[in-house]
Amino acid sequence: MRAVVQRVLRAHVDVADGEGAVDRAGEIPAGLCALVGVTHADDETAAVKLADKIWHLRILDDADGVMNESLAARSDAEEAHVLVVSQFTLYGNTDKGRRPSWIDAARPEQAEPLVERVVERLRELGATVATGRFRTEMRVELVNDGPVTLILET
């Protein structure tokens, strides 16, 4: 599994209904935004490992303004917010030509339960998690804090 994780001041994801209306699917205040991609070899173990990495990633500022805290350090204060958005394009391959190949991305039938497992595991750990909506056109808006952006892989 692969995730692009950004530290954010706020973030939300909207979903278009196909008729022009937009629905707010998920929203968080300050925390982390995780765009999550799944490939064919991924399984539940990879989903749990990715969620644990996100939970323990020390990219939040401590009281001294140093990037030294994780979501885990903030869970007691109810400040452990994560917006998780499925993102099959993280496995787009651009080695040949100008049009990405999506062959490395898992089919939705495999990917959806694994992204849901990431969300479930983050909630088990104590995070407040908002999500996008699988198999829809989504619009993600965020204010990157820092900016801090990392790529995680399992």
Protein backbone atom coordinates (compact mmCIF):
# COMPACT_ATOMS: atom_id res chain seq x y z
CA MET A 1 0.00 0.00 0.00
CA ARG A 2 1.06 3.56 -0.55
CA ALA A 3 -0.03 6.82 1.04
CA VAL A 4 0.74 10.46 0.50
CA VAL A 5 0.39 12.04 3.94
CA GLN A 6 0.15 15.78 4.41
CA ARG A 7 0.04 17.72 7.64
CA VAL A 8 -2.91 20.08 7.30
CA LEU A 9 -4.49 23.04 9.05
CA ARG A 10 -7.84 21.83 7.71
CA ALA A 11 -9.09 19.56 4.94
CA HIS A 12 -12.31 18.36 3.37
CA VAL A 13 -13.51 16.19 0.52
CA ASP A 14 -16.60 16.87 -1.57
CA VAL A 15 -18.38 14.40 -3.83
CA ALA A 16 -20.34 15.36 -6.94
CA ASP A 17 -23.67 13.55 -7.32
CA GLY A 18 -23.60 13.54 -11.13
CA GLU A 19 -26.33 16.16 -11.40
CA GLY A 20 -24.24 19.16 -10.39
CA ALA A 21 -24.87 19.04 -6.65
CA VAL A 22 -21.92 18.62 -4.30
CA ASP A 23 -21.99 16.76 -0.99
CA ARG A 24 -19.39 17.22 1.77
CA ALA A 25 -18.28 13.64 2.41
CA GLY A 26 -15.66 14.30 5.06
CA GLU A 27 -13.98 17.18 6.87
CA ILE A 28 -11.32 17.64 9.55
CA PRO A 29 -9.70 20.52 11.41
CA ALA A 30 -5.90 20.39 11.88
CA GLY A 31 -4.41 16.92 11.48
CA LEU A 32 -3.32 14.67 8.64
CA CYS A 33 -4.71 14.08 5.16
CA ALA A 34 -3.83 10.63 3.79
CA LEU A 35 -4.35 9.77 0.13
CA VAL A 36 -4.27 5.95 0.08
CA GLY A 37 -3.54 3.67 -2.86
CA VAL A 38 -3.72 -0.13 -3.06
CA THR A 39 -1.85 -2.52 -5.35
CA HIS A 40 -2.48 -6.20 -6.15
CA ALA A 41 -0.14 -7.66 -3.54
CA ASP A 42 -1.74 -5.77 -0.64
CA ASP A 43 -3.74 -7.48 2.07
CA GLU A 44 -5.16 -6.76 5.52
CA THR A 45 -1.70 -6.94 7.08
CA ALA A 46 -0.52 -4.13 4.79
CA ALA A 47 -3.59 -2.04 5.66
CA VAL A 48 -2.97 -2.37 9.40
CA LYS A 49 0.73 -1.61 8.94
CA LEU A 50 -0.05 1.53 6.93
CA ALA A 51 -2.55 2.76 9.52
CA ASP A 52 0.00 2.16 12.29
CA LYS A 53 2.63 4.12 10.33
CA ILE A 54 0.23 7.04 9.91
CA TRP A 55 -0.73 6.93 13.61
CA HIS A 56 2.87 6.94 14.84
CA LEU A 57 4.37 9.28 12.22
CA ARG A 58 6.09 12.10 14.15
CA ILE A 59 5.35 15.09 11.93
CA LEU A 60 3.21 17.23 14.24
CA ASP A 61 4.71 20.13 16.17
CA ASP A 62 5.27 19.73 19.89
CA ALA A 63 4.93 22.59 22.42
CA ASP A 64 8.32 23.94 21.28
CA GLY A 65 7.34 24.02 17.61
CA VAL A 66 9.51 21.02 16.75
CA MET A 67 8.17 18.23 14.50
CA ASN A 68 8.25 15.64 17.23
CA GLU A 69 4.70 14.45 17.91
CA SER A 70 2.46 11.86 16.32
CA LEU A 71 -1.30 11.50 16.29
CA ALA A 72 -0.80 8.95 19.06
CA ALA A 73 0.59 11.68 21.31
CA ARG A 74 -2.55 13.75 20.75
CA SER A 75 -5.22 11.10 21.06
CA ASP A 76 -6.06 11.96 24.68
CA ALA A 77 -6.75 15.57 23.72
CA GLU A 78 -9.13 14.54 20.91
CA GLU A 79 -6.85 16.25 18.41
CA ALA A 80 -5.98 13.17 16.36
CA HIS A 81 -7.81 13.95 13.11
CA VAL A 82 -7.22 12.15 9.81
CA LEU A 83 -8.92 12.56 6.45
CA VAL A 84 -8.49 9.34 4.44
CA VAL A 85 -9.19 9.46 0.71
CA SER A 86 -8.79 6.49 -1.63
CA GLN A 87 -6.45 7.33 -4.50
CA PHE A 88 -5.87 4.62 -7.12
CA THR A 89 -3.75 7.04 -9.16
CA LEU A 90 -0.91 6.63 -6.64
CA TYR A 91 -0.13 3.45 -8.56
CA GLY A 92 -0.14 5.13 -11.95
CA ASN A 93 2.91 4.12 -13.97
CA THR A 94 4.42 6.77 -16.25
CA ASP A 95 7.55 4.88 -17.33
CA LYS A 96 6.39 4.70 -20.96
CA GLY A 97 4.73 7.46 -22.89
CA ARG A 98 2.62 10.29 -21.58
CA ARG A 99 -0.51 8.45 -20.53
CA PRO A 100 -0.30 6.69 -17.15
CA SER A 101 -0.95 2.98 -16.93
CA TRP A 102 -3.20 1.90 -14.06
CA ILE A 103 -2.25 -1.79 -14.23
CA ASP A 104 -0.49 -1.67 -10.85
CA ALA A 105 -3.59 -0.31 -9.07
CA ALA A 106 -5.81 -2.91 -7.42
CA ARG A 107 -9.35 -3.37 -8.71
CA PRO A 108 -12.00 -1.59 -6.64
CA GLU A 109 -13.30 -4.90 -5.28
CA GLN A 110 -9.90 -5.51 -3.64
CA ALA A 111 -8.99 -1.90 -2.83
CA GLU A 112 -12.16 -0.71 -1.11
CA PRO A 113 -12.10 -3.17 1.83
CA LEU A 114 -8.40 -2.47 2.39
CA VAL A 115 -8.87 1.31 2.48
CA GLU A 116 -11.79 0.70 4.85
CA ARG A 117 -9.47 -1.43 7.00
CA VAL A 118 -6.99 1.47 7.21
CA VAL A 119 -9.83 3.70 8.41
CA GLU A 120 -11.06 1.08 10.88
CA ARG A 121 -7.57 0.56 12.30
CA LEU A 122 -6.99 4.31 12.74
CA ARG A 123 -10.27 4.50 14.65
CA GLU A 124 -9.25 1.52 16.81
CA LEU A 125 -6.07 3.42 17.69
CA GLY A 126 -8.06 6.50 18.73
CA ALA A 127 -8.13 8.74 15.66
CA THR A 128 -11.13 10.76 14.58
CA VAL A 129 -11.35 9.79 10.91
CA ALA A 130 -13.27 11.39 8.07
CA THR A 131 -13.32 9.84 4.60
CA GLY A 132 -14.08 10.38 1.00
CA ARG A 133 -16.49 8.12 -0.87
CA PHE A 134 -15.15 5.20 -2.88
CA ARG A 135 -15.85 5.06 -6.65
CA THR A 136 -16.91 8.69 -6.91
CA GLU A 137 -15.47 11.88 -8.34
CA MET A 138 -14.00 13.65 -5.34
CA ARG A 139 -12.68 17.14 -4.80
CA VAL A 140 -10.13 17.36 -2.00
CA GLU A 141 -9.34 20.76 -0.56
CA LEU A 142 -6.71 21.27 2.11
CA VAL A 143 -4.36 23.78 3.63
CA ASN A 144 -0.97 22.10 3.88
CA ASP A 145 0.79 23.03 7.12
CA GLY A 146 4.53 23.51 6.77
CA PRO A 147 4.28 22.30 4.03
CA VAL A 148 4.84 18.77 5.27
CA THR A 149 4.22 15.98 2.76
CA LEU A 150 5.54 12.42 2.97
CA ILE A 151 5.12 9.22 0.97
CA LEU A 152 4.61 6.06 3.03
CA GLU A 153 4.78 2.51 1.68
CA THR A 154 4.26 -0.91 3.20
